[in-house]
C-alpha atoms as a PDB file:
ATOM      1  CA  MET A   1       8.533  30.895 -11.388  1.00  0.00           C
ATOM      2  CA  ALA A   2       9.891  27.660 -12.802  1.00  0.00           C
ATOM      3  CA  PRO A   3       9.891  24.370 -10.894  1.00  0.00           C
ATOM      4  CA  VAL A   4      13.180  23.808  -9.055  1.00  0.00           C
ATOM      5  CA  THR A   5      13.297  20.441  -7.305  1.00  0.00           C
ATOM      6  CA  PRO A   6      13.316  17.118  -9.150  1.00  0.00           C
ATOM      7  CA  ILE A   7       9.794  16.307  -7.945  1.00  0.00           C
ATOM      8  CA  GLU A   8       8.495  19.741  -8.995  1.00  0.00           C
ATOM      9  CA  ASN A   9      10.051  19.255 -12.435  1.00  0.00           C
ATOM     10  CA  GLU A  10       8.570  15.773 -12.822  1.00  0.00           C
ATOM     11  CA  VAL A  11       5.099  16.934 -11.753  1.00  0.00           C
ATOM     12  CA  ALA A  12       5.323  19.823 -14.229  1.00  0.00           C
ATOM     13  CA  GLN A  13       6.383  17.448 -17.026  1.00  0.00           C
ATOM     14  CA  VAL A  14       3.419  15.166 -16.356  1.00  0.00           C
ATOM     15  CA  TRP A  15       1.068  18.154 -16.363  1.00  0.00           C
ATOM     16  CA  GLN A  16       2.590  19.422 -19.610  1.00  0.00           C
ATOM     17  CA  ALA A  17       2.088  16.073 -21.298  1.00  0.00           C
ATOM     18  CA  VAL A  18      -1.472  15.503 -20.104  1.00  0.00           C
ATOM     19  CA  LEU A  19      -2.719  19.091 -20.363  1.00  0.00           C
ATOM     20  CA  ASN A  20      -0.828  19.726 -23.605  1.00  0.00           C
ATOM     21  CA  VAL A  21       0.604  22.957 -22.203  1.00  0.00           C
ATOM     22  CA  GLU A  22       4.094  24.035 -23.250  1.00  0.00           C
ATOM     23  CA  ARG A  23       5.263  25.639 -19.991  1.00  0.00           C
ATOM     24  CA  ILE A  24       3.971  25.200 -16.497  1.00  0.00           C
ATOM     25  CA  GLY A  25       5.191  27.268 -13.582  1.00  0.00           C
ATOM     26  CA  LEU A  26       5.568  26.319  -9.970  1.00  0.00           C
ATOM     27  CA  HIS A  27       2.482  28.257  -8.883  1.00  0.00           C
ATOM     28  CA  ASP A  28       0.215  27.564 -11.871  1.00  0.00           C
ATOM     29  CA  ASN A  29      -3.177  26.240 -10.832  1.00  0.00           C
ATOM     30  CA  TYR A  30      -4.160  22.908 -12.396  1.00  0.00           C
ATOM     31  CA  PHE A  31      -7.787  23.937 -12.875  1.00  0.00           C
ATOM     32  CA  GLU A  32      -6.915  27.354 -14.316  1.00  0.00           C
ATOM     33  CA  LEU A  33      -4.763  25.546 -16.911  1.00  0.00           C
ATOM     34  CA  GLY A  34      -7.863  23.691 -18.122  1.00  0.00           C
ATOM     35  CA  GLY A  35      -7.501  20.614 -15.953  1.00  0.00           C
ATOM     36  CA  HIS A  36     -10.574  18.676 -14.919  1.00  0.00           C
ATOM     37  CA  SER A  37     -11.322  15.433 -13.092  1.00  0.00           C
ATOM     38  CA  LEU A  38     -10.929  13.158 -16.138  1.00  0.00           C
ATOM     39  CA  LEU A  39      -7.470  14.505 -16.910  1.00  0.00           C
ATOM     40  CA  ALA A  40      -6.642  14.433 -13.207  1.00  0.00           C
ATOM     41  CA  THR A  41      -7.064  10.656 -13.184  1.00  0.00           C
ATOM     42  CA  ARG A  42      -4.390  10.389 -15.894  1.00  0.00           C
ATOM     43  CA  ILE A  43      -2.030  12.660 -14.010  1.00  0.00           C
ATOM     44  CA  LEU A  44      -2.566  10.906 -10.705  1.00  0.00           C
ATOM     45  CA  SER A  45      -2.097   7.502 -12.321  1.00  0.00           C
ATOM     46  CA  ARG A  46       1.254   8.560 -13.776  1.00  0.00           C
ATOM     47  CA  LEU A  47       2.414  10.083 -10.502  1.00  0.00           C
ATOM     48  CA  ARG A  48       1.333   6.999  -8.534  1.00  0.00           C
ATOM     49  CA  ALA A  49       3.402   4.840 -10.860  1.00  0.00           C
ATOM     50  CA  MET A  50       6.404   7.173 -10.597  1.00  0.00           C
ATOM     51  CA  TYR A  51       6.443   7.510  -6.825  1.00  0.00           C
ATOM     52  CA  GLY A  52       4.635   4.434  -5.531  1.00  0.00           C
ATOM     53  CA  ILE A  53       2.283   6.467  -3.359  1.00  0.00           C
ATOM     54  CA  GLU A  54      -1.496   6.712  -3.191  1.00  0.00           C
ATOM     55  CA  LEU A  55      -2.609  10.040  -4.615  1.00  0.00           C
ATOM     56  CA  THR A  56      -6.314  10.841  -4.714  1.00  0.00           C
ATOM     57  CA  LEU A  57      -8.397  13.467  -6.458  1.00  0.00           C
ATOM     58  CA  GLN A  58      -8.763  15.120  -3.082  1.00  0.00           C
ATOM     59  CA  THR A  59      -4.977  15.523  -2.947  1.00  0.00           C
ATOM     60  CA  LEU A  60      -5.041  17.454  -6.220  1.00  0.00           C
ATOM     61  CA  PHE A  61      -8.018  19.565  -5.112  1.00  0.00           C
ATOM     62  CA  GLU A  62      -6.173  20.464  -1.894  1.00  0.00           C
ATOM     63  CA  ALA A  63      -2.823  21.016  -3.665  1.00  0.00           C
ATOM     64  CA  PRO A  64      -3.719  22.388  -7.115  1.00  0.00           C
ATOM     65  CA  SER A  65      -0.325  23.886  -8.028  1.00  0.00           C
ATOM     66  CA  VAL A  66       2.849  22.102  -9.065  1.00  0.00           C
ATOM     67  CA  GLY A  67       4.611  23.325  -5.929  1.00  0.00           C
ATOM     68  CA  GLU A  68       1.821  22.282  -3.579  1.00  0.00           C
ATOM     69  CA  LEU A  69       1.400  18.881  -5.198  1.00  0.00           C
ATOM     70  CA  ALA A  70       5.163  18.297  -5.096  1.00  0.00           C
ATOM     71  CA  GLN A  71       5.117  19.112  -1.374  1.00  0.00           C
ATOM     72  CA  SER A  72       2.268  16.639  -0.823  1.00  0.00           C
ATOM     73  CA  ILE A  73       4.160  13.943  -2.731  1.00  0.00           C
ATOM     74  CA  THR A  74       7.322  14.629  -0.709  1.00  0.00           C
ATOM     75  CA  ALA A  75       5.395  14.406   2.566  1.00  0.00           C
ATOM     76  CA  MET A  76       3.751  11.133   1.525  1.00  0.00           C
ATOM     77  CA  MET A  77       7.084   9.662   0.506  1.00  0.00           C
ATOM     78  CA  ALA A  78       8.629  10.733   3.830  1.00  0.00           C
ATOM     79  CA  GLY A  79       5.740   9.034   5.633  1.00  0.00           C
ATOM     80  CA  GLN A  80       6.436   5.820   3.755  1.00  0.00           C
ATOM     81  CA  GLU A  81      10.084   5.961   4.792  1.00  0.00           C
ATOM     82  CA  ASP A  82       9.079   6.417   8.431  1.00  0.00           C
ATOM     83  CA  GLU A  83       6.668   3.490   8.143  1.00  0.00           C
ATOM     84  CA  ALA A  84       9.326   1.284   6.520  1.00  0.00           C
ATOM     85  CA  ASP A  85      11.799   2.157   9.289  1.00  0.00           C
ATOM     86  CA  LEU A  86       9.198   1.373  11.941  1.00  0.00           C
ATOM     87  CA  LEU A  87       8.351  -1.990  10.354  1.00  0.00           C
ATOM     88  CA  ALA A  88      12.049  -2.888  10.148  1.00  0.00           C
ATOM     89  CA  LEU A  89      12.552  -1.954  13.806  1.00  0.00           C
ATOM     90  CA  MET A  90       9.491  -3.981  14.841  1.00  0.00           C
ATOM     91  CA  ALA A  91      10.801  -7.015  12.962  1.00  0.00           C
ATOM     92  CA  GLU A  92      14.161  -6.636  14.676  1.00  0.00           C
ATOM     93  CA  VAL A  93      12.577  -6.373  18.130  1.00  0.00           C
ATOM     94  CA  GLN A  94      10.353  -9.398  17.482  1.00  0.00           C
ATOM     95  CA  GLY A  95      13.484 -11.463  16.890  1.00  0.00           C
ATOM     96  CA  LEU A  96      14.930 -10.578  20.289  1.00  0.00           C
ATOM     97  CA  ALA A  97      14.535 -12.578  23.466  1.00  0.00           C
ATOM     98  CA  ALA A  98      12.647 -10.947  26.344  1.00  0.00           C
ATOM     99  CA  ALA A  99      15.892 -10.446  28.257  1.00  0.00           C
ATOM    100  CA  GLU A 100      17.466  -8.654  25.286  1.00  0.00           C
ATOM    101  CA  VAL A 101      14.465  -6.329  24.990  1.00  0.00           C
ATOM    102  CA  ALA A 102      14.606  -5.577  28.721  1.00  0.00           C
ATOM    103  CA  GLU A 103      18.314  -4.811  28.447  1.00  0.00           C
ATOM    104  CA  LEU A 104      17.721  -2.388  25.576  1.00  0.00           C
ATOM    105  CA  LEU A 105      15.030  -0.568  27.549  1.00  0.00           C
ATOM    106  CA  THR A 106      17.271   0.025  30.602  1.00  0.00           C
END
């Protein structure tokens, strides 16, 4: 099965380039394709740069297919969005007077 989502396609393209494999399917296992820890560092470095998230070797070991890794990346990116929203809300609340905060809570 071919990758479908943009993230799945991008992960597959990175794998193709680093592993020198022509076609990579959604469920192909990184290690069964000849991947090892040295090549994983290249892949993870590229994906970190693309998505601005912290991917570790453990992430790849726990999500060794394109589909699984894409899901992990999506979840991490969603977590960053939640964190950014929370930080923005905290900054907004810090700028309020005590009476304004009390009014919002009632």
